[in-house]
Amino acid sequence: MEFSYGQGAYLEGNKKLEGQILLSEHRLYLKDKNGDLAQTYVPLEKIERIRKTRQGIEIHVRPTIYYRFTALIKGERKFLSELTRDLVQRRGFRKRFLKNEWTESET
C-alpha cells in the first residue's frame, strides 16, 4: 500500500529530483511520469532522525555503519506535515524537547 503526499523535490548533495512523494510499507521515494526514481529510495528502518525546516523535511539516514546521508524533501507544507507525522508514527520516534526534531527513543 502506498500513500501520496503531493508533488515535491528530493535533494541530496548536488542531486535534485522532482516528482510525486510516495510512502510505501518499507520506503519513502519519488515517482515521476517515467516511473520510480530509484535514486530517491529512503529505507524507513534506516532513518535515524527527522527534522522539519523552513525548506522542507531533513531526513538523516544511515544505510550502513560507514555511510550516512541527509536527504531534504520539499513540497507543500500541509503534505509535509502529514508525511512527518506518518514517518514518526511508523518509526516510533520521540520529539526532542523544544525542537522540531524527532529521533529514536533512548531506552
Protein backbone atom coordinates (compact mmCIF):
# COMPACT_ATOMS: atom_id res chain seq x y z
CA MET A 1 0.00 0.00 0.00
CA GLU A 2 1.32 3.43 -0.95
CA PHE A 3 0.35 6.89 0.27
CA SER A 4 0.90 10.01 -1.82
CA TYR A 5 1.96 13.37 -0.39
CA GLY A 6 1.68 15.54 -3.50
CA GLN A 7 4.42 16.84 -5.77
CA GLY A 8 7.82 17.59 -4.34
CA ALA A 9 11.57 17.51 -4.73
CA TYR A 10 14.35 15.34 -3.31
CA LEU A 11 17.70 17.00 -2.63
CA GLU A 12 20.86 15.17 -1.56
CA GLY A 13 24.15 16.94 -2.11
CA ASN A 14 24.14 18.16 -5.73
CA LYS A 15 21.35 15.77 -6.70
CA LYS A 16 17.86 17.25 -7.22
CA LEU A 17 14.97 15.13 -8.44
CA GLU A 18 11.32 16.10 -8.71
CA GLY A 19 8.17 14.00 -8.72
CA GLN A 20 5.32 12.67 -6.63
CA ILE A 21 6.24 11.90 -3.00
CA LEU A 22 5.23 8.35 -2.05
CA LEU A 23 5.44 6.40 1.20
CA SER A 24 5.15 2.61 0.98
CA GLU A 25 5.39 0.00 3.70
CA HIS A 26 9.20 -0.06 3.70
CA ARG A 27 10.44 3.07 1.91
CA LEU A 28 9.97 6.72 1.06
CA TYR A 29 10.63 7.71 -2.57
CA LEU A 30 9.64 9.89 -5.50
CA LYS A 31 7.96 8.84 -8.72
CA ASP A 32 7.75 10.77 -11.98
CA LYS A 33 5.93 10.12 -15.28
CA ASN A 34 8.61 7.57 -16.28
CA GLY A 35 8.30 5.53 -13.06
CA ASP A 36 10.03 5.21 -9.70
CA LEU A 37 13.15 7.27 -9.10
CA ALA A 38 15.44 4.66 -7.51
CA GLN A 39 17.98 7.35 -6.52
CA THR A 40 15.42 8.73 -4.05
CA TYR A 41 14.75 5.48 -2.13
CA VAL A 42 14.96 6.00 1.63
CA PRO A 43 14.50 2.76 3.62
CA LEU A 44 12.31 3.51 6.65
CA GLU A 45 14.24 1.23 9.02
CA LYS A 46 17.48 3.15 8.27
CA ILE A 47 16.13 6.60 9.21
CA GLU A 48 17.92 7.96 12.31
CA ARG A 49 16.37 11.40 12.68
CA ILE A 50 13.73 13.65 11.11
CA ARG A 51 13.84 17.43 11.32
CA LYS A 52 11.37 19.97 9.95
CA THR A 53 12.90 23.12 8.49
CA ARG A 54 11.56 26.06 6.52
CA GLN A 55 12.76 24.42 3.30
CA GLY A 56 11.13 21.05 3.99
CA ILE A 57 11.92 17.86 5.90
CA GLU A 58 15.51 16.80 6.58
CA ILE A 59 15.78 13.03 6.83
CA HIS A 60 19.02 11.70 8.30
CA VAL A 61 19.67 8.19 7.00
CA ARG A 62 22.35 5.64 7.90
CA PRO A 63 22.15 2.76 5.39
CA THR A 64 25.44 1.17 6.58
CA ILE A 65 27.76 1.54 9.54
CA TYR A 66 30.24 3.54 7.45
CA TYR A 67 27.88 5.66 5.37
CA ARG A 68 25.20 8.18 6.24
CA PHE A 69 23.48 10.94 4.33
CA THR A 70 20.88 13.66 4.72
CA ALA A 71 18.03 13.99 2.24
CA LEU A 72 15.84 17.08 2.04
CA ILE A 73 12.26 16.58 0.88
CA LYS A 74 10.49 19.72 -0.34
CA GLY A 75 6.79 20.05 -1.08
CA GLU A 76 3.56 21.60 0.12
CA ARG A 77 3.66 22.40 3.83
CA LYS A 78 0.37 20.61 4.55
CA PHE A 79 1.51 17.38 2.90
CA LEU A 80 4.94 17.54 4.53
CA SER A 81 3.33 17.81 7.98
CA GLU A 82 1.28 14.68 7.24
CA LEU A 83 4.38 12.88 5.94
CA THR A 84 6.35 13.80 9.05
CA ARG A 85 3.54 12.56 11.29
CA ASP A 86 3.32 9.26 9.41
CA LEU A 87 7.10 8.70 9.44
CA VAL A 88 7.30 9.45 13.17
CA GLN A 89 4.47 7.02 13.92
CA ARG A 90 5.90 4.22 11.78
CA ARG A 91 9.38 4.52 13.29
CA GLY A 92 8.21 5.16 16.86
CA PHE A 93 10.29 8.33 17.15
CA ARG A 94 10.02 10.80 20.02
CA LYS A 95 10.06 14.59 19.71
CA ARG A 96 13.12 16.29 21.12
CA PHE A 97 12.31 18.86 23.77
CA LEU A 98 11.74 22.37 22.33
CA LYS A 99 12.93 21.32 18.85
CA ASN A 100 11.21 20.48 15.59
CA GLU A 101 13.13 17.20 15.51
CA TRP A 102 12.29 13.54 16.13
CA THR A 103 14.68 10.68 16.98
CA GLU A 104 14.56 7.14 18.31
CA SER A 105 13.65 6.96 21.97
CA GLU A 106 16.55 6.35 24.32
CA THR A 107 15.75 3.17 26.24
